[in-house]
């Protein structure tokens, strides 16, 4: 491709101007996934349902179209990294940002009937739980018992942020820990999951799958 893919450090206020820069599109990461949706003139139904976007396509008329490839990218990475993962076990989602919103919708569509949302701010957790009939807000100590999947959608563990570890001994013995963090790739959370004999899936697969889908859109 005759193209360049560059990292741009922007504020949310800059998002509506992306169409004027001559770009074919853009990926959006934390913390702008919800704000970017508001900057779009056209919104794909999945992105509208999730309420967040990670992929923007700039049309010829400079209009911004919002998509969400996080949801299908997450499911593809989960199935590749944990092929024995089961939908008939509760899932725990840590966080309530754009990635959490996409993952809750993906889990709902995959058939998970009990999705437990854990977040420091209850009103944001309730907004994410409302995305699925299976969603409910829980305290961490209430969410972990019996869980078959735990997904970290917070910035904890990201380079420069505080590490995150969990006591997973109350989860299903065959539970899966999925960390969306990919820098560093091997987080303290993944190490603690392996030490507790749980399947650990890092964030690289989700990063690659969502990117492949974004390139198809562009």
Foldseek 3Di string as FASTA:
>chain_A
DPDDADDDDDDLVCLLVPLVPPDQKAFDDPPNFQSNVVSAPAEDPLCVLLNGFGIWGQDPVSGIYGDHLLQVLVVVLCCVQPVPQDLAWEEEEEDQHSSLSSPLLSSQVVPRQAYEYEYPDVVSQVVSQVSHPNRDYDHPVVRQAAGQEYEYPDCAQAVPHHHDADDNPRYDLAHEYEYLHVHVFCGPHQVNCVVSVYRYGTNPSSVVRSVVVSVVVD
